[in-house]
Amino acid sequence: MAGRHGAGLANLVFAAPSCRVLEVFQPTYVLASTYKIATCLGQSYGYLVEGRVQGTLAATDNQSDIVVDPERFAKLVTMMLPNARA
């Protein structure tokens, strides 16, 4: 399961312990709530903090668009997969 920090990741509470969770943050808004839930459920957790934020809202909110580097994202997803090779 992969997504931006927020309510969209709430369904991880229904996922099996084998679920892998990848959360994307903007650098000015990083919280540990999803990490805490995932680890309590025995799920693997990873995160990606991206620095390029687009939008008209303040950089400290959780409403601005985040531009994700596709290569970094793909590398992290690959690392989180079972039997991944570094």
N, C-alpha and C. Protein backbone atom coordinates (compact mmCIF):
# COMPACT_ATOMS: atom_id res chain seq x y z
N MET A 1 0.85 -1.15 0.00
CA MET A 1 0.00 0.00 0.00
C MET A 1 0.91 1.23 0.00
N ALA A 2 0.68 2.14 -0.92
CA ALA A 2 1.51 3.34 -1.00
C ALA A 2 0.62 4.56 -1.16
N GLY A 3 1.02 5.65 -0.51
CA GLY A 3 0.26 6.88 -0.66
C GLY A 3 0.84 8.01 0.17
N ARG A 4 0.28 9.16 -0.06
CA ARG A 4 0.65 10.36 0.67
C ARG A 4 0.11 10.24 2.10
N HIS A 5 0.79 10.87 3.05
CA HIS A 5 0.31 10.87 4.42
C HIS A 5 -1.12 11.41 4.46
N GLY A 6 -1.98 10.71 5.15
CA GLY A 6 -3.36 11.18 5.30
C GLY A 6 -4.33 10.03 5.45
N ALA A 7 -5.60 10.38 5.40
CA ALA A 7 -6.67 9.42 5.65
C ALA A 7 -6.71 8.30 4.63
N GLY A 8 -6.15 8.50 3.46
CA GLY A 8 -6.14 7.47 2.43
C GLY A 8 -5.41 6.20 2.86
N LEU A 9 -4.51 6.33 3.81
CA LEU A 9 -3.77 5.17 4.30
C LEU A 9 -4.47 4.49 5.48
N ALA A 10 -5.61 4.99 5.88
CA ALA A 10 -6.31 4.44 7.05
C ALA A 10 -6.73 2.99 6.86
N ASN A 11 -6.93 2.56 5.62
CA ASN A 11 -7.35 1.18 5.38
C ASN A 11 -6.29 0.16 5.74
N LEU A 12 -5.09 0.62 6.08
CA LEU A 12 -4.06 -0.35 6.48
C LEU A 12 -4.49 -1.11 7.72
N VAL A 13 -5.43 -0.59 8.50
CA VAL A 13 -5.89 -1.32 9.69
C VAL A 13 -6.63 -2.60 9.31
N PHE A 14 -7.06 -2.71 8.06
CA PHE A 14 -7.75 -3.92 7.59
C PHE A 14 -6.82 -4.85 6.84
N ALA A 15 -5.57 -4.45 6.65
CA ALA A 15 -4.61 -5.24 5.87
C ALA A 15 -3.92 -6.27 6.75
N ALA A 16 -3.45 -7.30 6.11
CA ALA A 16 -2.76 -8.39 6.81
C ALA A 16 -1.39 -7.92 7.31
N PRO A 17 -0.84 -8.62 8.28
CA PRO A 17 0.50 -8.27 8.76
C PRO A 17 1.57 -8.32 7.66
N SER A 18 1.31 -9.05 6.59
CA SER A 18 2.27 -9.12 5.49
C SER A 18 2.24 -7.88 4.59
N CYS A 19 1.32 -6.98 4.84
CA CYS A 19 1.20 -5.74 4.06
C CYS A 19 2.45 -4.88 4.24
N ARG A 20 2.87 -4.24 3.18
CA ARG A 20 3.98 -3.29 3.23
C ARG A 20 3.40 -1.90 2.97
N VAL A 21 3.74 -0.96 3.82
CA VAL A 21 3.18 0.38 3.75
C VAL A 21 4.28 1.36 3.37
N LEU A 22 4.04 2.15 2.33
CA LEU A 22 4.98 3.18 1.90
C LEU A 22 4.25 4.53 1.94
N GLU A 23 4.74 5.42 2.77
CA GLU A 23 4.10 6.71 2.99
C GLU A 23 4.97 7.83 2.41
N VAL A 24 4.33 8.78 1.72
CA VAL A 24 5.03 9.91 1.12
C VAL A 24 4.69 11.18 1.90
N PHE A 25 5.74 11.92 2.26
CA PHE A 25 5.59 13.17 3.00
C PHE A 25 6.21 14.33 2.23
N GLN A 26 5.75 15.54 2.55
CA GLN A 26 6.50 16.73 2.17
C GLN A 26 7.39 17.06 3.36
N PRO A 27 8.54 17.70 3.15
CA PRO A 27 9.52 17.86 4.24
C PRO A 27 9.03 18.72 5.41
N THR A 28 8.02 19.52 5.21
CA THR A 28 7.54 20.38 6.29
C THR A 28 6.36 19.78 7.05
N TYR A 29 6.00 18.55 6.71
CA TYR A 29 4.83 17.92 7.35
C TYR A 29 5.07 16.42 7.46
N VAL A 30 5.76 16.00 8.50
CA VAL A 30 6.06 14.59 8.71
C VAL A 30 5.53 14.17 10.08
N LEU A 31 4.67 13.17 10.08
CA LEU A 31 4.08 12.66 11.33
C LEU A 31 4.31 11.16 11.42
N ALA A 32 4.32 10.64 12.62
CA ALA A 32 4.60 9.21 12.83
C ALA A 32 3.35 8.36 13.02
N SER A 33 2.18 8.90 12.84
CA SER A 33 0.95 8.16 13.16
C SER A 33 0.79 6.89 12.33
N THR A 34 1.01 6.95 11.03
CA THR A 34 0.87 5.76 10.19
C THR A 34 1.93 4.74 10.53
N TYR A 35 3.15 5.19 10.80
CA TYR A 35 4.22 4.29 11.23
C TYR A 35 3.81 3.52 12.48
N LYS A 36 3.25 4.23 13.46
CA LYS A 36 2.85 3.60 14.71
C LYS A 36 1.77 2.53 14.48
N ILE A 37 0.80 2.85 13.64
CA ILE A 37 -0.27 1.89 13.36
C ILE A 37 0.28 0.67 12.63
N ALA A 38 1.08 0.90 11.59
CA ALA A 38 1.62 -0.21 10.80
C ALA A 38 2.48 -1.13 11.65
N THR A 39 3.34 -0.56 12.48
CA THR A 39 4.21 -1.42 13.28
C THR A 39 3.43 -2.16 14.36
N CYS A 40 2.39 -1.55 14.91
CA CYS A 40 1.55 -2.26 15.88
C CYS A 40 0.85 -3.46 15.23
N LEU A 41 0.57 -3.35 13.94
CA LEU A 41 -0.10 -4.44 13.22
C LEU A 41 0.90 -5.42 12.61
N GLY A 42 2.19 -5.21 12.83
CA GLY A 42 3.20 -6.12 12.32
C GLY A 42 3.52 -5.92 10.85
N GLN A 43 3.14 -4.78 10.28
CA GLN A 43 3.37 -4.51 8.87
C GLN A 43 4.71 -3.81 8.66
N SER A 44 5.32 -4.06 7.52
CA SER A 44 6.55 -3.36 7.16
C SER A 44 6.20 -1.94 6.77
N TYR A 45 7.06 -0.99 7.12
CA TYR A 45 6.78 0.42 6.88
C TYR A 45 8.01 1.10 6.27
N GLY A 46 7.77 1.89 5.27
CA GLY A 46 8.81 2.72 4.68
C GLY A 46 8.24 4.09 4.39
N TYR A 47 9.12 5.06 4.21
CA TYR A 47 8.63 6.40 3.92
C TYR A 47 9.55 7.09 2.93
N LEU A 48 9.01 8.10 2.29
CA LEU A 48 9.74 8.90 1.33
C LEU A 48 9.41 10.36 1.61
N VAL A 49 10.42 11.17 1.81
CA VAL A 49 10.22 12.61 2.02
C VAL A 49 10.71 13.31 0.77
N GLU A 50 9.80 13.98 0.09
CA GLU A 50 10.15 14.69 -1.14
C GLU A 50 10.16 16.19 -0.88
N GLY A 51 11.13 16.88 -1.43
CA GLY A 51 11.33 18.29 -1.15
C GLY A 51 10.64 19.26 -2.07
N ARG A 52 10.18 18.80 -3.21
CA ARG A 52 9.56 19.73 -4.16
C ARG A 52 8.05 19.77 -3.94
N VAL A 53 7.57 20.89 -3.48
CA VAL A 53 6.14 21.06 -3.20
C VAL A 53 5.58 22.08 -4.16
N GLN A 54 4.43 21.78 -4.75
CA GLN A 54 3.77 22.71 -5.65
C GLN A 54 2.39 23.04 -5.12
N GLY A 55 1.95 24.26 -5.37
CA GLY A 55 0.61 24.65 -4.95
C GLY A 55 0.62 26.05 -4.38
N THR A 56 -0.56 26.56 -4.13
CA THR A 56 -0.68 27.92 -3.64
C THR A 56 -0.82 27.99 -2.13
N LEU A 57 -0.98 26.86 -1.48
CA LEU A 57 -1.15 26.85 -0.03
C LEU A 57 0.21 26.92 0.66
N ALA A 58 0.19 27.18 1.93
CA ALA A 58 1.43 27.27 2.70
C ALA A 58 2.18 25.95 2.69
N ALA A 59 3.49 26.03 2.71
CA ALA A 59 4.32 24.83 2.66
C ALA A 59 4.21 23.99 3.93
N THR A 60 3.63 24.53 4.98
CA THR A 60 3.53 23.78 6.24
C THR A 60 2.22 23.01 6.36
N ASP A 61 1.36 23.10 5.37
CA ASP A 61 0.10 22.36 5.45
C ASP A 61 0.26 21.00 4.77
N ASN A 62 -0.78 20.22 4.79
CA ASN A 62 -0.76 18.91 4.16
C ASN A 62 -1.66 18.91 2.92
N GLN A 63 -1.83 20.07 2.30
CA GLN A 63 -2.73 20.19 1.17
C GLN A 63 -2.00 20.44 -0.15
N SER A 64 -0.74 20.82 -0.11
CA SER A 64 0.01 21.13 -1.33
C SER A 64 0.37 19.85 -2.08
N ASP A 65 0.53 19.97 -3.39
CA ASP A 65 0.96 18.84 -4.20
C ASP A 65 2.43 18.54 -3.94
N ILE A 66 2.78 17.27 -3.97
CA ILE A 66 4.16 16.85 -3.80
C ILE A 66 4.62 16.23 -5.12
N VAL A 67 5.76 16.69 -5.61
CA VAL A 67 6.33 16.11 -6.82
C VAL A 67 7.29 15.01 -6.40
N VAL A 68 6.99 13.79 -6.79
CA VAL A 68 7.78 12.62 -6.39
C VAL A 68 8.73 12.23 -7.51
N ASP A 69 9.98 11.99 -7.16
CA ASP A 69 10.96 11.50 -8.12
C ASP A 69 10.63 10.03 -8.40
N PRO A 70 10.21 9.70 -9.63
CA PRO A 70 9.77 8.33 -9.91
C PRO A 70 10.86 7.28 -9.69
N GLU A 71 12.12 7.63 -9.93
CA GLU A 71 13.19 6.67 -9.73
C GLU A 71 13.38 6.36 -8.24
N ARG A 72 13.35 7.38 -7.40
CA ARG A 72 13.46 7.16 -5.95
C ARG A 72 12.29 6.33 -5.44
N PHE A 73 11.09 6.65 -5.92
CA PHE A 73 9.89 5.92 -5.50
C PHE A 73 9.99 4.46 -5.91
N ALA A 74 10.36 4.21 -7.17
CA ALA A 74 10.46 2.84 -7.66
C ALA A 74 11.53 2.06 -6.91
N LYS A 75 12.65 2.69 -6.59
CA LYS A 75 13.71 2.02 -5.85
C LYS A 75 13.24 1.60 -4.46
N LEU A 76 12.52 2.50 -3.79
CA LEU A 76 12.01 2.18 -2.45
C LEU A 76 10.96 1.08 -2.50
N VAL A 77 10.08 1.13 -3.48
CA VAL A 77 9.07 0.07 -3.64
C VAL A 77 9.76 -1.27 -3.86
N THR A 78 10.75 -1.30 -4.72
CA THR A 78 11.49 -2.53 -4.99
C THR A 78 12.16 -3.06 -3.73
N MET A 79 12.76 -2.18 -2.94
CA MET A 79 13.42 -2.59 -1.70
C MET A 79 12.42 -3.19 -0.70
N MET A 80 11.18 -2.72 -0.74
CA MET A 80 10.19 -3.19 0.23
C MET A 80 9.53 -4.51 -0.18
N LEU A 81 9.69 -4.90 -1.42
CA LEU A 81 9.06 -6.14 -1.89
C LEU A 81 9.75 -7.35 -1.30
N PRO A 82 8.98 -8.42 -1.10
CA PRO A 82 9.62 -9.64 -0.59
C PRO A 82 10.66 -10.15 -1.59
N ASN A 83 11.73 -10.68 -1.07
CA ASN A 83 12.81 -11.22 -1.90
C ASN A 83 13.46 -10.19 -2.80
N ALA A 84 13.41 -8.92 -2.39
CA ALA A 84 14.01 -7.85 -3.20
C ALA A 84 15.52 -7.98 -3.19
N ARG A 85 16.11 -7.62 -4.28
CA ARG A 85 17.57 -7.63 -4.40
C ARG A 85 18.05 -6.19 -4.42
N ALA A 86 19.06 -5.89 -3.63
CA ALA A 86 19.58 -4.52 -3.54
C ALA A 86 20.42 -4.19 -4.74
